[in-house]
Amino acid sequence: MKKLFTIAAAASILATAAIAQTTVTTTTGTGNAAIQIEPQYRTKIKSYVTEKKVRSMTTQEKIVVGAKVPTSVELEAVPADWGPSVSRYRYVYSNDRVMLVDPGTRTVVHEVD
């Protein structure tokens, strides 16, 4: 009986951990992999918005990681030289921050710092 209780408790803990992992993955909007941007590409991204004088936009809603970008906000194409890890995303330059957005869900998945 004690052994059965121990096995049941262990199974419950494992099931809870699996559910927690699924929830975290789902809420980030990035799938199973986090976005990794190499330092040289971060520099290119920052240089791009400065040199091209990309206008920072303002919205009533604060644009943060995990939030959906309003449909009234135009998503910009990511330039090819920003690196392969971000090519599938679009971006928004808001409050002097570059936010990467999943174009399918319009969810902000990463803030380039």
N, C-alpha and C. Protein backbone atom coordinates (compact mmCIF):
# COMPACT_ATOMS: atom_id res chain seq x y z
N MET A 1 0.83 -1.19 0.00
CA MET A 1 0.00 0.00 0.00
C MET A 1 0.87 1.26 0.00
N LYS A 2 1.92 1.25 0.84
CA LYS A 2 2.82 2.40 0.93
C LYS A 2 3.54 2.62 -0.41
N LYS A 3 3.92 1.49 -1.04
CA LYS A 3 4.62 1.58 -2.33
C LYS A 3 3.67 2.15 -3.39
N LEU A 4 2.41 1.73 -3.37
CA LEU A 4 1.43 2.24 -4.32
C LEU A 4 1.22 3.75 -4.14
N PHE A 5 1.15 4.20 -2.89
CA PHE A 5 0.99 5.62 -2.60
C PHE A 5 2.20 6.42 -3.12
N THR A 6 3.40 5.90 -2.93
CA THR A 6 4.61 6.56 -3.40
C THR A 6 4.62 6.68 -4.92
N ILE A 7 4.23 5.61 -5.59
CA ILE A 7 4.18 5.62 -7.05
C ILE A 7 3.15 6.63 -7.54
N ALA A 8 1.99 6.66 -6.90
CA ALA A 8 0.94 7.60 -7.28
C ALA A 8 1.39 9.04 -7.07
N ALA A 9 2.08 9.31 -5.97
CA ALA A 9 2.57 10.66 -5.69
C ALA A 9 3.60 11.08 -6.74
N ALA A 10 4.51 10.16 -7.09
CA ALA A 10 5.53 10.47 -8.10
C ALA A 10 4.89 10.74 -9.45
N ALA A 11 3.88 9.96 -9.82
CA ALA A 11 3.19 10.16 -11.10
C ALA A 11 2.48 11.51 -11.11
N SER A 12 1.90 11.88 -9.99
CA SER A 12 1.21 13.17 -9.88
C SER A 12 2.19 14.33 -10.06
N ILE A 13 3.35 14.22 -9.44
CA ILE A 13 4.37 15.26 -9.56
C ILE A 13 4.84 15.38 -11.01
N LEU A 14 5.09 14.24 -11.66
CA LEU A 14 5.53 14.27 -13.05
C LEU A 14 4.46 14.87 -13.97
N ALA A 15 3.21 14.51 -13.72
CA ALA A 15 2.12 15.06 -14.54
C ALA A 15 2.01 16.57 -14.35
N THR A 16 2.15 17.03 -13.11
CA THR A 16 2.10 18.47 -12.83
C THR A 16 3.25 19.18 -13.52
N ALA A 17 4.43 18.61 -13.49
CA ALA A 17 5.59 19.22 -14.15
C ALA A 17 5.37 19.30 -15.66
N ALA A 18 4.79 18.26 -16.24
CA ALA A 18 4.53 18.26 -17.68
C ALA A 18 3.52 19.34 -18.05
N ILE A 19 2.47 19.49 -17.24
CA ILE A 19 1.47 20.52 -17.50
C ILE A 19 2.10 21.90 -17.36
N ALA A 20 2.91 22.10 -16.34
CA ALA A 20 3.57 23.40 -16.14
C ALA A 20 4.46 23.72 -17.33
N GLN A 21 5.19 22.75 -17.84
CA GLN A 21 6.06 22.98 -18.98
C GLN A 21 5.24 23.39 -20.20
N THR A 22 4.12 22.71 -20.43
CA THR A 22 3.27 23.05 -21.55
C THR A 22 2.74 24.47 -21.43
N THR A 23 2.33 24.84 -20.23
CA THR A 23 1.79 26.18 -20.01
C THR A 23 2.84 27.24 -20.28
N VAL A 24 4.05 27.04 -19.81
CA VAL A 24 5.12 28.02 -20.02
C VAL A 24 5.41 28.16 -21.50
N THR A 25 5.50 27.05 -22.20
CA THR A 25 5.79 27.09 -23.63
C THR A 25 4.69 27.82 -24.38
N THR A 26 3.46 27.57 -24.03
CA THR A 26 2.34 28.19 -24.72
C THR A 26 2.30 29.69 -24.49
N THR A 27 2.54 30.14 -23.27
CA THR A 27 2.41 31.56 -22.99
C THR A 27 3.53 32.40 -23.57
N THR A 28 4.68 31.81 -23.84
CA THR A 28 5.76 32.61 -24.41
C THR A 28 5.52 32.91 -25.88
N GLY A 29 4.78 32.06 -26.54
CA GLY A 29 4.50 32.29 -27.96
C GLY A 29 5.68 31.99 -28.86
N THR A 30 6.72 31.40 -28.32
CA THR A 30 7.90 31.15 -29.14
C THR A 30 8.08 29.68 -29.46
N GLY A 31 7.14 28.84 -29.10
CA GLY A 31 7.31 27.42 -29.34
C GLY A 31 8.25 26.84 -28.31
N ASN A 32 8.99 25.82 -28.70
CA ASN A 32 9.88 25.15 -27.76
C ASN A 32 11.24 25.81 -27.63
N ALA A 33 11.58 26.70 -28.52
CA ALA A 33 12.92 27.29 -28.50
C ALA A 33 12.85 28.78 -28.22
N ALA A 34 13.71 29.23 -27.35
CA ALA A 34 13.81 30.67 -27.10
C ALA A 34 14.58 31.31 -28.25
N ILE A 35 14.33 32.57 -28.47
CA ILE A 35 15.02 33.28 -29.54
C ILE A 35 16.41 33.68 -29.05
N GLN A 36 17.42 33.22 -29.74
CA GLN A 36 18.79 33.56 -29.41
C GLN A 36 19.34 34.46 -30.51
N ILE A 37 19.72 35.67 -30.13
CA ILE A 37 20.28 36.61 -31.10
C ILE A 37 21.73 36.87 -30.72
N GLU A 38 22.62 36.54 -31.62
CA GLU A 38 24.04 36.73 -31.38
C GLU A 38 24.35 38.22 -31.24
N PRO A 39 25.39 38.56 -30.46
CA PRO A 39 25.74 39.98 -30.23
C PRO A 39 25.93 40.79 -31.51
N GLN A 40 26.55 40.22 -32.54
CA GLN A 40 26.77 40.99 -33.76
C GLN A 40 25.44 41.35 -34.43
N TYR A 41 24.42 40.50 -34.30
CA TYR A 41 23.12 40.81 -34.88
C TYR A 41 22.38 41.84 -34.03
N ARG A 42 22.54 41.78 -32.71
CA ARG A 42 21.95 42.81 -31.84
C ARG A 42 22.48 44.19 -32.23
N THR A 43 23.78 44.24 -32.50
CA THR A 43 24.40 45.50 -32.90
C THR A 43 23.82 45.98 -34.23
N LYS A 44 23.63 45.06 -35.18
CA LYS A 44 23.05 45.42 -36.48
C LYS A 44 21.63 45.95 -36.32
N ILE A 45 20.87 45.32 -35.45
CA ILE A 45 19.48 45.74 -35.24
C ILE A 45 19.45 47.16 -34.66
N LYS A 46 20.27 47.40 -33.66
CA LYS A 46 20.32 48.73 -33.04
C LYS A 46 20.81 49.78 -34.03
N SER A 47 21.82 49.43 -34.82
CA SER A 47 22.34 50.35 -35.83
C SER A 47 21.28 50.65 -36.88
N TYR A 48 20.53 49.64 -37.27
CA TYR A 48 19.50 49.81 -38.30
C TYR A 48 18.49 50.87 -37.90
N VAL A 49 17.93 50.74 -36.69
CA VAL A 49 16.90 51.70 -36.28
C VAL A 49 17.46 53.11 -36.10
N THR A 50 18.75 53.20 -35.76
CA THR A 50 19.37 54.51 -35.61
C THR A 50 19.70 55.12 -36.97
N GLU A 51 20.36 54.36 -37.84
CA GLU A 51 20.79 54.87 -39.14
C GLU A 51 19.60 55.14 -40.07
N LYS A 52 18.61 54.27 -40.04
CA LYS A 52 17.44 54.44 -40.91
C LYS A 52 16.44 55.42 -40.31
N LYS A 53 16.73 55.87 -39.10
CA LYS A 53 15.84 56.81 -38.39
C LYS A 53 14.41 56.29 -38.37
N VAL A 54 14.29 55.01 -37.95
CA VAL A 54 12.98 54.39 -37.84
C VAL A 54 12.20 55.14 -36.78
N ARG A 55 11.01 55.57 -37.15
CA ARG A 55 10.18 56.35 -36.23
C ARG A 55 9.59 55.43 -35.16
N SER A 56 9.81 55.78 -33.91
CA SER A 56 9.24 55.02 -32.81
C SER A 56 7.76 55.32 -32.72
N MET A 57 6.95 54.29 -32.69
CA MET A 57 5.52 54.51 -32.64
C MET A 57 5.00 54.41 -31.21
N THR A 58 3.90 55.05 -30.98
CA THR A 58 3.27 54.97 -29.67
C THR A 58 1.86 54.43 -29.85
N THR A 59 1.44 53.65 -28.89
CA THR A 59 0.09 53.09 -28.91
C THR A 59 -0.53 53.30 -27.53
N GLN A 60 -1.84 53.19 -27.49
CA GLN A 60 -2.50 53.32 -26.19
C GLN A 60 -2.14 52.15 -25.29
N GLU A 61 -2.06 50.95 -25.89
CA GLU A 61 -1.67 49.76 -25.15
C GLU A 61 -0.16 49.67 -25.13
N LYS A 62 0.39 49.29 -24.01
CA LYS A 62 1.84 49.12 -23.93
C LYS A 62 2.21 47.82 -24.65
N ILE A 63 3.20 47.91 -25.51
CA ILE A 63 3.64 46.72 -26.26
C ILE A 63 4.76 46.06 -25.47
N VAL A 64 4.46 44.86 -24.96
CA VAL A 64 5.41 44.12 -24.14
C VAL A 64 5.44 42.66 -24.59
N VAL A 65 6.48 41.94 -24.21
CA VAL A 65 6.60 40.53 -24.55
C VAL A 65 5.40 39.77 -23.98
N GLY A 66 4.79 38.97 -24.82
CA GLY A 66 3.62 38.18 -24.43
C GLY A 66 2.30 38.82 -24.80
N ALA A 67 2.30 40.12 -25.08
CA ALA A 67 1.07 40.83 -25.44
C ALA A 67 0.85 40.76 -26.95
N LYS A 68 -0.40 40.90 -27.33
CA LYS A 68 -0.72 40.95 -28.76
C LYS A 68 -0.65 42.40 -29.23
N VAL A 69 -0.09 42.58 -30.42
CA VAL A 69 0.01 43.90 -31.02
C VAL A 69 -1.34 44.21 -31.68
N PRO A 70 -1.89 45.39 -31.42
CA PRO A 70 -3.18 45.74 -32.03
C PRO A 70 -3.12 45.66 -33.56
N THR A 71 -4.24 45.33 -34.16
CA THR A 71 -4.30 45.21 -35.62
C THR A 71 -4.07 46.54 -36.32
N SER A 72 -4.24 47.63 -35.60
CA SER A 72 -4.01 48.95 -36.19
C SER A 72 -2.52 49.26 -36.36
N VAL A 73 -1.66 48.46 -35.73
CA VAL A 73 -0.21 48.66 -35.82
C VAL A 73 0.34 47.84 -36.98
N GLU A 74 1.07 48.52 -37.87
CA GLU A 74 1.67 47.85 -39.01
C GLU A 74 2.95 47.14 -38.58
N LEU A 75 3.05 45.86 -38.89
CA LEU A 75 4.25 45.08 -38.58
C LEU A 75 5.23 45.24 -39.74
N GLU A 76 6.47 45.53 -39.42
CA GLU A 76 7.51 45.74 -40.42
C GLU A 76 8.26 44.44 -40.68
N ALA A 77 8.69 44.23 -41.92
CA ALA A 77 9.49 43.07 -42.27
C ALA A 77 10.88 43.18 -41.63
N VAL A 78 11.38 42.06 -41.16
CA VAL A 78 12.72 42.03 -40.58
C VAL A 78 13.74 41.99 -41.71
N PRO A 79 14.69 42.93 -41.73
CA PRO A 79 15.73 42.90 -42.77
C PRO A 79 16.55 41.60 -42.70
N ALA A 80 17.00 41.12 -43.83
CA ALA A 80 17.74 39.86 -43.91
C ALA A 80 19.01 39.86 -43.07
N ASP A 81 19.66 41.02 -42.94
CA ASP A 81 20.93 41.05 -42.21
C ASP A 81 20.76 41.07 -40.68
N TRP A 82 19.52 40.92 -40.20
CA TRP A 82 19.31 40.83 -38.74
C TRP A 82 19.60 39.43 -38.22
N GLY A 83 19.84 38.50 -39.11
CA GLY A 83 20.22 37.14 -38.70
C GLY A 83 19.13 36.12 -38.93
N PRO A 84 19.54 34.86 -39.05
CA PRO A 84 18.59 33.80 -39.37
C PRO A 84 17.61 33.48 -38.23
N SER A 85 17.98 33.75 -37.01
CA SER A 85 17.09 33.39 -35.89
C SER A 85 15.85 34.27 -35.81
N VAL A 86 15.83 35.40 -36.51
CA VAL A 86 14.68 36.30 -36.43
C VAL A 86 13.97 36.49 -37.77
N SER A 87 14.42 35.80 -38.79
CA SER A 87 13.88 36.04 -40.14
C SER A 87 12.40 35.71 -40.27
N ARG A 88 11.87 34.84 -39.44
CA ARG A 88 10.45 34.47 -39.55
C ARG A 88 9.52 35.47 -38.85
N TYR A 89 10.07 36.43 -38.15
CA TYR A 89 9.27 37.38 -37.40
C TYR A 89 9.12 38.71 -38.13
N ARG A 90 8.28 39.57 -37.61
CA ARG A 90 8.15 40.96 -38.02
C ARG A 90 8.57 41.78 -36.81
N TYR A 91 8.69 43.08 -36.98
CA TYR A 91 9.06 43.88 -35.82
C TYR A 91 8.24 45.14 -35.72
N VAL A 92 8.22 45.67 -34.50
CA VAL A 92 7.60 46.95 -34.20
C VAL A 92 8.63 47.72 -33.40
N TYR A 93 8.81 48.99 -33.74
CA TYR A 93 9.72 49.86 -33.00
C TYR A 93 8.83 50.80 -32.19
N SER A 94 8.77 50.54 -30.90
CA SER A 94 7.86 51.29 -30.04
C SER A 94 8.58 51.70 -28.76
N ASN A 95 8.41 52.96 -28.39
CA ASN A 95 9.06 53.50 -27.19
C ASN A 95 10.56 53.22 -27.19
N ASP A 96 11.17 53.41 -28.35
CA ASP A 96 12.61 53.21 -28.54
C ASP A 96 13.08 51.79 -28.24
N ARG A 97 12.19 50.82 -28.47
CA ARG A 97 12.53 49.40 -28.28
C ARG A 97 12.10 48.62 -29.52
N VAL A 98 12.94 47.68 -29.94
CA VAL A 98 12.60 46.81 -31.05
C VAL A 98 11.93 45.56 -30.46
N MET A 99 10.70 45.34 -30.89
CA MET A 99 9.93 44.19 -30.41
C MET A 99 9.70 43.25 -31.59
N LEU A 100 10.12 41.98 -31.43
CA LEU A 100 9.88 40.98 -32.47
C LEU A 100 8.50 40.38 -32.27
N VAL A 101 7.78 40.24 -33.36
CA VAL A 101 6.39 39.82 -33.31
C VAL A 101 6.17 38.60 -34.21
N ASP A 102 5.45 37.61 -33.70
CA ASP A 102 5.05 36.47 -34.50
C ASP A 102 3.91 36.96 -35.40
N PRO A 103 4.12 36.97 -36.73
CA PRO A 103 3.11 37.55 -37.60
C PRO A 103 1.80 36.77 -37.64
N GLY A 104 1.85 35.49 -37.34
CA GLY A 104 0.63 34.68 -37.37
C GLY A 104 -0.31 34.98 -36.21
N THR A 105 0.26 35.27 -35.05
CA THR A 105 -0.57 35.52 -33.86
C THR A 105 -0.53 36.97 -33.41
N ARG A 106 0.40 37.75 -33.98
CA ARG A 106 0.63 39.15 -33.60
C ARG A 106 1.06 39.27 -32.14
N THR A 107 1.68 38.22 -31.61
CA THR A 107 2.16 38.22 -30.25
C THR A 107 3.62 38.64 -30.21
N VAL A 108 3.96 39.53 -29.29
CA VAL A 108 5.36 39.95 -29.12
C VAL A 108 6.10 38.78 -28.48
N VAL A 109 7.15 38.31 -29.14
CA VAL A 109 7.89 37.15 -28.64
C VAL A 109 9.25 37.50 -28.07
N HIS A 110 9.75 38.73 -28.36
CA HIS A 110 11.09 39.06 -27.87
C HIS A 110 11.32 40.57 -27.95
N GLU A 111 11.97 41.11 -26.94
CA GLU A 111 12.40 42.51 -26.96
C GLU A 111 13.90 42.49 -27.17
N VAL A 112 14.36 43.18 -28.19
CA VAL A 112 15.79 43.26 -28.47
C VAL A 112 16.38 44.34 -27.55
N ASP A 113 17.24 43.90 -26.65
CA ASP A 113 17.83 44.86 -25.71
C ASP A 113 19.25 45.20 -26.07
